[in-house]
Amino acid sequence: MLYIYLVNDSICERMKKIIEIFEKNNGYSRMKELREAGIQTRDIAKAVKEKTIEKVRPGLYKLIEFSWDEHGSFADVCNSNKNAVICLLSAASYYELTTFNPSEVYVAVPNNTDKFVLRYPPTRVYYFADSYYDHGIETLNTKSGIIKIYNREKTIGDLFRYINKLGEDVVVESLKEYLKKRKEMNISKLLEYADICGVKKKMEPMIKAILS
């Protein structure tokens, strides 16, 4: 009986150590980090089985009972790939530029990125050329972790680049919502990013029509 108690105490201590590692890392940890901390593979498997932690992708785990905020899925994606940037409809939804609530997380990575697939959350990946990828990235520090996302103006520029795939309605809606927020809008900045995205000639007449 004493042996059983000792074994159970040892397991509890190992689980406690696992949880502490995740809490120090904003609810996430990689397999490499866990092993470096002396956590055995069998303990990681046990923590997954008992729903203490959850696999986000191979080699990356998240603590289930953590104070995640409403943008936890964004953090999942950004933690899975250091180059991932929230973009297009997901960014537009974050900035409240559209009423459309995408069922997937829209994310951009550089063109030369290896195939990027997540089992959860559902993700739609866009491979951007450097000339599009490098501009307008902002970093948000949320309860769920660090999130990289394109700013409002770059988001609208990208929406216009993909207007044929995404649909004109949601793209024009996002532009109108941006222009409604007079205190936040910056026309020169918007046109600067429209030029970077190669859509200035398409966007500029719409801006004039909406504001007239």
C-alpha atoms as a PDB file:
ATOM      1  CA  MET A   1       0.000   0.000   0.000  1.00  0.00           C
ATOM      2  CA  LEU A   2       2.831   2.381   0.870  1.00  0.00           C
ATOM      3  CA  TYR A   3       4.404   1.672  -2.529  1.00  0.00           C
ATOM      4  CA  ILE A   4       1.152   2.672  -4.296  1.00  0.00           C
ATOM      5  CA  TYR A   5       1.036   5.946  -2.365  1.00  0.00           C
ATOM      6  CA  LEU A   6       4.657   6.693  -3.259  1.00  0.00           C
ATOM      7  CA  VAL A   7       4.006   5.982  -6.946  1.00  0.00           C
ATOM      8  CA  ASN A   8       0.907   8.182  -6.964  1.00  0.00           C
ATOM      9  CA  ASP A   9       2.776  11.010  -5.224  1.00  0.00           C
ATOM     10  CA  SER A  10       5.561  10.747  -7.796  1.00  0.00           C
ATOM     11  CA  ILE A  11       3.059  10.934 -10.682  1.00  0.00           C
ATOM     12  CA  CYS A  12       1.331  13.959  -9.114  1.00  0.00           C
ATOM     13  CA  GLU A  13       4.661  15.747  -8.739  1.00  0.00           C
ATOM     14  CA  ARG A  14       5.542  15.103 -12.385  1.00  0.00           C
ATOM     15  CA  MET A  15       2.117  16.371 -13.529  1.00  0.00           C
ATOM     16  CA  LYS A  16       2.544  19.444 -11.341  1.00  0.00           C
ATOM     17  CA  LYS A  17       5.935  20.102 -12.934  1.00  0.00           C
ATOM     18  CA  ILE A  18       4.423  19.772 -16.419  1.00  0.00           C
ATOM     19  CA  ILE A  19       1.697  22.297 -15.592  1.00  0.00           C
ATOM     20  CA  GLU A  20       4.272  24.746 -14.172  1.00  0.00           C
ATOM     21  CA  ILE A  21       6.274  24.593 -17.418  1.00  0.00           C
ATOM     22  CA  PHE A  22       3.170  25.412 -19.472  1.00  0.00           C
ATOM     23  CA  GLU A  23       2.114  28.249 -17.177  1.00  0.00           C
ATOM     24  CA  LYS A  24       5.534  29.874 -17.534  1.00  0.00           C
ATOM     25  CA  ASN A  25       5.181  29.713 -21.337  1.00  0.00           C
ATOM     26  CA  ASN A  26       1.736  31.342 -21.619  1.00  0.00           C
ATOM     27  CA  GLY A  27       0.001  27.971 -21.770  1.00  0.00           C
ATOM     28  CA  TYR A  28       2.222  26.412 -24.464  1.00  0.00           C
ATOM     29  CA  SER A  29       5.261  24.166 -24.562  1.00  0.00           C
ATOM     30  CA  ARG A  30       7.192  22.291 -27.198  1.00  0.00           C
ATOM     31  CA  MET A  31       8.263  18.684 -26.859  1.00  0.00           C
ATOM     32  CA  LYS A  32      11.902  19.797 -26.922  1.00  0.00           C
ATOM     33  CA  GLU A  33      11.353  22.139 -23.959  1.00  0.00           C
ATOM     34  CA  LEU A  34       9.575  19.443 -21.961  1.00  0.00           C
ATOM     35  CA  ARG A  35      12.354  16.938 -22.550  1.00  0.00           C
ATOM     36  CA  GLU A  36      15.009  19.495 -21.634  1.00  0.00           C
ATOM     37  CA  ALA A  37      13.130  19.984 -18.347  1.00  0.00           C
ATOM     38  CA  GLY A  38      13.412  16.256 -17.659  1.00  0.00           C
ATOM     39  CA  ILE A  39       9.816  15.317 -18.535  1.00  0.00           C
ATOM     40  CA  GLN A  40       9.506  11.785 -19.887  1.00  0.00           C
ATOM     41  CA  THR A  41       7.566  10.989 -23.062  1.00  0.00           C
ATOM     42  CA  ARG A  42       5.258   8.651 -21.103  1.00  0.00           C
ATOM     43  CA  ASP A  43       4.318  11.517 -18.759  1.00  0.00           C
ATOM     44  CA  ILE A  44       3.492  13.766 -21.728  1.00  0.00           C
ATOM     45  CA  ALA A  45       1.312  10.990 -23.199  1.00  0.00           C
ATOM     46  CA  LYS A  46      -0.405  10.557 -19.821  1.00  0.00           C
ATOM     47  CA  ALA A  47      -1.078  14.302 -19.565  1.00  0.00           C
ATOM     48  CA  VAL A  48      -2.669  14.223 -23.042  1.00  0.00           C
ATOM     49  CA  LYS A  49      -4.768  11.152 -22.170  1.00  0.00           C
ATOM     50  CA  GLU A  50      -6.008  12.795 -18.956  1.00  0.00           C
ATOM     51  CA  LYS A  51      -6.807  15.996 -20.915  1.00  0.00           C
ATOM     52  CA  THR A  52      -4.377  18.100 -18.914  1.00  0.00           C
ATOM     53  CA  ILE A  53      -2.654  19.175 -22.117  1.00  0.00           C
ATOM     54  CA  GLU A  54      -3.618  19.016 -25.789  1.00  0.00           C
ATOM     55  CA  LYS A  55      -1.547  18.531 -28.934  1.00  0.00           C
ATOM     56  CA  VAL A  56      -1.810  21.537 -31.250  1.00  0.00           C
ATOM     57  CA  ARG A  57       0.518  20.045 -33.846  1.00  0.00           C
ATOM     58  CA  PRO A  58       3.420  17.550 -33.762  1.00  0.00           C
ATOM     59  CA  GLY A  59       5.891  18.801 -31.183  1.00  0.00           C
ATOM     60  CA  LEU A  60       3.639  21.559 -29.775  1.00  0.00           C
ATOM     61  CA  TYR A  61       1.178  21.286 -26.871  1.00  0.00           C
ATOM     62  CA  LYS A  62      -1.150  23.629 -24.991  1.00  0.00           C
ATOM     63  CA  LEU A  63      -2.460  23.572 -21.433  1.00  0.00           C
ATOM     64  CA  ILE A  64      -6.227  23.010 -21.542  1.00  0.00           C
ATOM     65  CA  GLU A  65      -7.137  24.740 -18.278  1.00  0.00           C
ATOM     66  CA  PHE A  66      -5.528  28.095 -18.930  1.00  0.00           C
ATOM     67  CA  SER A  67      -6.906  31.627 -18.994  1.00  0.00           C
ATOM     68  CA  TRP A  68      -7.264  31.748 -22.777  1.00  0.00           C
ATOM     69  CA  ASP A  69      -8.917  34.828 -24.260  1.00  0.00           C
ATOM     70  CA  GLU A  70     -11.168  34.990 -27.316  1.00  0.00           C
ATOM     71  CA  HIS A  71      -8.174  35.037 -29.636  1.00  0.00           C
ATOM     72  CA  GLY A  72      -6.737  31.716 -28.477  1.00  0.00           C
ATOM     73  CA  SER A  73      -6.996  30.188 -31.958  1.00  0.00           C
ATOM     74  CA  PHE A  74      -4.835  33.009 -33.366  1.00  0.00           C
ATOM     75  CA  ALA A  75      -2.205  32.303 -30.718  1.00  0.00           C
ATOM     76  CA  ASP A  76      -2.356  28.574 -31.540  1.00  0.00           C
ATOM     77  CA  VAL A  77      -1.501  29.302 -35.155  1.00  0.00           C
ATOM     78  CA  CYS A  78       1.213  31.864 -34.392  1.00  0.00           C
ATOM     79  CA  ASN A  79       2.818  29.543 -31.848  1.00  0.00           C
ATOM     80  CA  SER A  80       2.827  26.732 -34.392  1.00  0.00           C
ATOM     81  CA  ASN A  81       4.880  28.689 -36.911  1.00  0.00           C
ATOM     82  CA  LYS A  82       7.020  31.702 -35.992  1.00  0.00           C
ATOM     83  CA  ASN A  83       6.406  33.239 -39.437  1.00  0.00           C
ATOM     84  CA  ALA A  84       2.614  32.972 -39.314  1.00  0.00           C
ATOM     85  CA  VAL A  85       0.746  36.284 -39.557  1.00  0.00           C
ATOM     86  CA  ILE A  86      -3.036  36.569 -39.131  1.00  0.00           C
ATOM     87  CA  CYS A  87      -4.402  38.027 -42.362  1.00  0.00           C
ATOM     88  CA  LEU A  88      -7.350  38.648 -44.686  1.00  0.00           C
ATOM     89  CA  LEU A  89     -10.777  37.712 -43.268  1.00  0.00           C
ATOM     90  CA  SER A  90      -9.442  36.767 -39.823  1.00  0.00           C
ATOM     91  CA  ALA A  91      -7.667  40.109 -39.494  1.00  0.00           C
ATOM     92  CA  ALA A  92     -10.722  41.960 -40.843  1.00  0.00           C
ATOM     93  CA  SER A  93     -12.901  40.203 -38.266  1.00  0.00           C
ATOM     94  CA  TYR A  94     -10.451  41.058 -35.470  1.00  0.00           C
ATOM     95  CA  TYR A  95     -10.567  44.753 -36.409  1.00  0.00           C
ATOM     96  CA  GLU A  96     -14.388  44.601 -36.695  1.00  0.00           C
ATOM     97  CA  LEU A  97     -14.258  45.562 -40.352  1.00  0.00           C
ATOM     98  CA  THR A  98     -16.652  42.795 -41.349  1.00  0.00           C
ATOM     99  CA  THR A  99     -19.642  40.972 -39.909  1.00  0.00           C
ATOM    100  CA  PHE A 100     -18.356  37.780 -41.539  1.00  0.00           C
ATOM    101  CA  ASN A 101     -17.036  35.313 -38.964  1.00  0.00           C
ATOM    102  CA  PRO A 102     -14.624  32.940 -40.726  1.00  0.00           C
ATOM    103  CA  SER A 103     -14.703  29.283 -39.687  1.00  0.00           C
ATOM    104  CA  GLU A 104     -10.964  29.026 -40.401  1.00  0.00           C
ATOM    105  CA  VAL A 105      -8.010  31.088 -39.274  1.00  0.00           C
ATOM    106  CA  TYR A 106      -6.590  32.926 -42.297  1.00  0.00           C
ATOM    107  CA  VAL A 107      -2.819  33.125 -42.001  1.00  0.00           C
ATOM    108  CA  ALA A 108       0.058  34.260 -44.225  1.00  0.00           C
ATOM    109  CA  VAL A 109       3.552  32.795 -44.339  1.00  0.00           C
ATOM    110  CA  PRO A 110       6.474  33.521 -46.694  1.00  0.00           C
ATOM    111  CA  ASN A 111       6.531  31.785 -50.072  1.00  0.00           C
ATOM    112  CA  ASN A 112       9.496  29.574 -49.181  1.00  0.00           C
ATOM    113  CA  THR A 113       7.811  28.155 -46.042  1.00  0.00           C
ATOM    114  CA  ASP A 114       7.431  24.379 -45.846  1.00  0.00           C
ATOM    115  CA  LYS A 115       3.886  23.060 -46.161  1.00  0.00           C
ATOM    116  CA  PHE A 116       2.043  24.369 -43.123  1.00  0.00           C
ATOM    117  CA  VAL A 117      -0.824  22.227 -41.845  1.00  0.00           C
ATOM    118  CA  LEU A 118      -2.622  22.307 -38.500  1.00  0.00           C
ATOM    119  CA  ARG A 119      -5.110  19.731 -37.294  1.00  0.00           C
ATOM    120  CA  TYR A 120      -6.587  22.323 -34.948  1.00  0.00           C
ATOM    121  CA  PRO A 121      -7.651  25.074 -35.260  1.00  0.00           C
ATOM    122  CA  PRO A 122      -8.844  24.830 -38.899  1.00  0.00           C
ATOM    123  CA  THR A 123      -6.447  27.011 -40.863  1.00  0.00           C
ATOM    124  CA  ARG A 124      -6.330  28.456 -44.346  1.00  0.00           C
ATOM    125  CA  VAL A 125      -2.746  29.243 -45.305  1.00  0.00           C
ATOM    126  CA  TYR A 126      -1.686  31.831 -47.898  1.00  0.00           C
ATOM    127  CA  TYR A 127       1.872  31.905 -49.181  1.00  0.00           C
ATOM    128  CA  PHE A 128       2.874  35.545 -49.693  1.00  0.00           C
ATOM    129  CA  ALA A 129       5.815  36.756 -51.756  1.00  0.00           C
ATOM    130  CA  ASP A 130       8.274  38.758 -49.627  1.00  0.00           C
ATOM    131  CA  SER A 131       7.131  42.005 -51.247  1.00  0.00           C
ATOM    132  CA  TYR A 132       3.665  41.403 -49.742  1.00  0.00           C
ATOM    133  CA  TYR A 133       4.564  39.427 -46.614  1.00  0.00           C
ATOM    134  CA  ASP A 134       7.078  41.822 -45.017  1.00  0.00           C
ATOM    135  CA  HIS A 135       4.904  44.938 -44.701  1.00  0.00           C
ATOM    136  CA  GLY A 136       2.424  46.003 -42.034  1.00  0.00           C
ATOM    137  CA  ILE A 137       3.020  43.290 -39.414  1.00  0.00           C
ATOM    138  CA  GLU A 138       2.011  44.183 -35.867  1.00  0.00           C
ATOM    139  CA  THR A 139       2.583  42.177 -32.676  1.00  0.00           C
ATOM    140  CA  LEU A 140      -0.149  41.788 -30.064  1.00  0.00           C
ATOM    141  CA  ASN A 141       0.521  40.561 -26.537  1.00  0.00           C
ATOM    142  CA  THR A 142      -2.667  38.770 -25.454  1.00  0.00           C
ATOM    143  CA  LYS A 143      -3.573  36.477 -22.560  1.00  0.00           C
ATOM    144  CA  SER A 144      -3.331  33.593 -25.010  1.00  0.00           C
ATOM    145  CA  GLY A 145       0.188  34.535 -26.122  1.00  0.00           C
ATOM    146  CA  ILE A 146       1.940  36.584 -28.785  1.00  0.00           C
ATOM    147  CA  ILE A 147      -0.016  37.134 -31.999  1.00  0.00           C
ATOM    148  CA  LYS A 148       1.318  38.590 -35.248  1.00  0.00           C
ATOM    149  CA  ILE A 149      -1.302  40.258 -37.409  1.00  0.00           C
ATOM    150  CA  TYR A 150      -1.353  42.675 -40.332  1.00  0.00           C
ATOM    151  CA  ASN A 151      -2.514  46.203 -39.542  1.00  0.00           C
ATOM    152  CA  ARG A 152      -5.853  47.525 -40.776  1.00  0.00           C
ATOM    153  CA  GLU A 153      -4.521  49.186 -43.894  1.00  0.00           C
ATOM    154  CA  LYS A 154      -2.446  46.196 -45.022  1.00  0.00           C
ATOM    155  CA  THR A 155      -5.422  43.921 -44.319  1.00  0.00           C
ATOM    156  CA  ILE A 156      -7.632  45.937 -46.670  1.00  0.00           C
ATOM    157  CA  GLY A 157      -4.895  45.958 -49.302  1.00  0.00           C
ATOM    158  CA  ASP A 158      -4.658  42.169 -49.101  1.00  0.00           C
ATOM    159  CA  LEU A 159      -8.437  41.805 -49.258  1.00  0.00           C
ATOM    160  CA  PHE A 160      -8.425  43.735 -52.543  1.00  0.00           C
ATOM    161  CA  ARG A 161      -5.615  41.502 -53.854  1.00  0.00           C
ATOM    162  CA  TYR A 162      -7.835  38.470 -53.233  1.00  0.00           C
ATOM    163  CA  ILE A 163     -11.165  40.101 -54.100  1.00  0.00           C
ATOM    164  CA  ASN A 164     -11.949  37.521 -56.798  1.00  0.00           C
ATOM    165  CA  LYS A 165     -11.500  34.630 -54.359  1.00  0.00           C
ATOM    166  CA  LEU A 166     -13.064  36.212 -51.275  1.00  0.00           C
ATOM    167  CA  GLY A 167     -15.953  38.019 -52.945  1.00  0.00           C
ATOM    168  CA  GLU A 168     -16.525  41.705 -53.562  1.00  0.00           C
ATOM    169  CA  ASP A 169     -19.180  42.061 -50.833  1.00  0.00           C
ATOM    170  CA  VAL A 170     -16.918  41.308 -47.878  1.00  0.00           C
ATOM    171  CA  VAL A 171     -14.034  43.345 -49.332  1.00  0.00           C
ATOM    172  CA  VAL A 172     -16.142  46.457 -49.966  1.00  0.00           C
ATOM    173  CA  GLU A 173     -17.809  46.045 -46.552  1.00  0.00           C
ATOM    174  CA  SER A 174     -14.364  46.090 -44.885  1.00  0.00           C
ATOM    175  CA  LEU A 175     -13.344  49.232 -46.753  1.00  0.00           C
ATOM    176  CA  LYS A 176     -16.613  50.988 -45.839  1.00  0.00           C
ATOM    177  CA  GLU A 177     -16.246  50.061 -42.166  1.00  0.00           C
ATOM    178  CA  TYR A 178     -12.676  51.341 -42.142  1.00  0.00           C
ATOM    179  CA  LEU A 179     -13.762  54.660 -43.649  1.00  0.00           C
ATOM    180  CA  LYS A 180     -16.597  55.011 -41.118  1.00  0.00           C
ATOM    181  CA  LYS A 181     -14.101  55.188 -38.265  1.00  0.00           C
ATOM    182  CA  ARG A 182     -13.010  58.751 -38.912  1.00  0.00           C
ATOM    183  CA  LYS A 183     -10.766  58.987 -35.835  1.00  0.00           C
ATOM    184  CA  GLU A 184      -8.864  55.838 -36.776  1.00  0.00           C
ATOM    185  CA  MET A 185      -8.746  56.005 -40.557  1.00  0.00           C
ATOM    186  CA  ASN A 186      -5.638  57.253 -42.343  1.00  0.00           C
ATOM    187  CA  ILE A 187      -6.210  57.674 -46.068  1.00  0.00           C
ATOM    188  CA  SER A 188      -2.570  58.301 -46.951  1.00  0.00           C
ATOM    189  CA  LYS A 189      -1.527  55.178 -45.040  1.00  0.00           C
ATOM    190  CA  LEU A 190      -4.333  53.196 -46.662  1.00  0.00           C
ATOM    191  CA  LEU A 191      -3.207  54.256 -50.140  1.00  0.00           C
ATOM    192  CA  GLU A 192       0.421  53.539 -49.241  1.00  0.00           C
ATOM    193  CA  TYR A 193      -0.461  49.910 -48.469  1.00  0.00           C
ATOM    194  CA  ALA A 194      -2.771  49.747 -51.472  1.00  0.00           C
ATOM    195  CA  ASP A 195       0.239  50.679 -53.587  1.00  0.00           C
ATOM    196  CA  ILE A 196       2.396  48.019 -51.877  1.00  0.00           C
ATOM    197  CA  CYS A 197      -0.321  45.450 -52.601  1.00  0.00           C
ATOM    198  CA  GLY A 198      -0.652  46.615 -56.206  1.00  0.00           C
ATOM    199  CA  VAL A 199      -4.329  47.563 -55.848  1.00  0.00           C
ATOM    200  CA  LYS A 200      -4.179  51.365 -55.601  1.00  0.00           C
ATOM    201  CA  LYS A 201      -5.837  51.941 -58.987  1.00  0.00           C
ATOM    202  CA  LYS A 202      -8.679  49.625 -57.996  1.00  0.00           C
ATOM    203  CA  MET A 203      -9.145  50.952 -54.457  1.00  0.00           C
ATOM    204  CA  GLU A 204      -8.750  54.710 -54.935  1.00  0.00           C
ATOM    205  CA  PRO A 205     -11.973  55.260 -56.974  1.00  0.00           C
ATOM    206  CA  MET A 206     -13.952  53.250 -54.402  1.00  0.00           C
ATOM    207  CA  ILE A 207     -12.587  55.394 -51.569  1.00  0.00           C
ATOM    208  CA  LYS A 208     -13.629  58.571 -53.388  1.00  0.00           C
ATOM    209  CA  ALA A 209     -17.077  57.161 -54.146  1.00  0.00           C
ATOM    210  CA  ILE A 210     -17.693  56.086 -50.540  1.00  0.00           C
ATOM    211  CA  LEU A 211     -16.507  59.392 -49.048  1.00  0.00           C
ATOM    212  CA  SER A 212     -18.335  61.604 -51.556  1.00  0.00           C
END
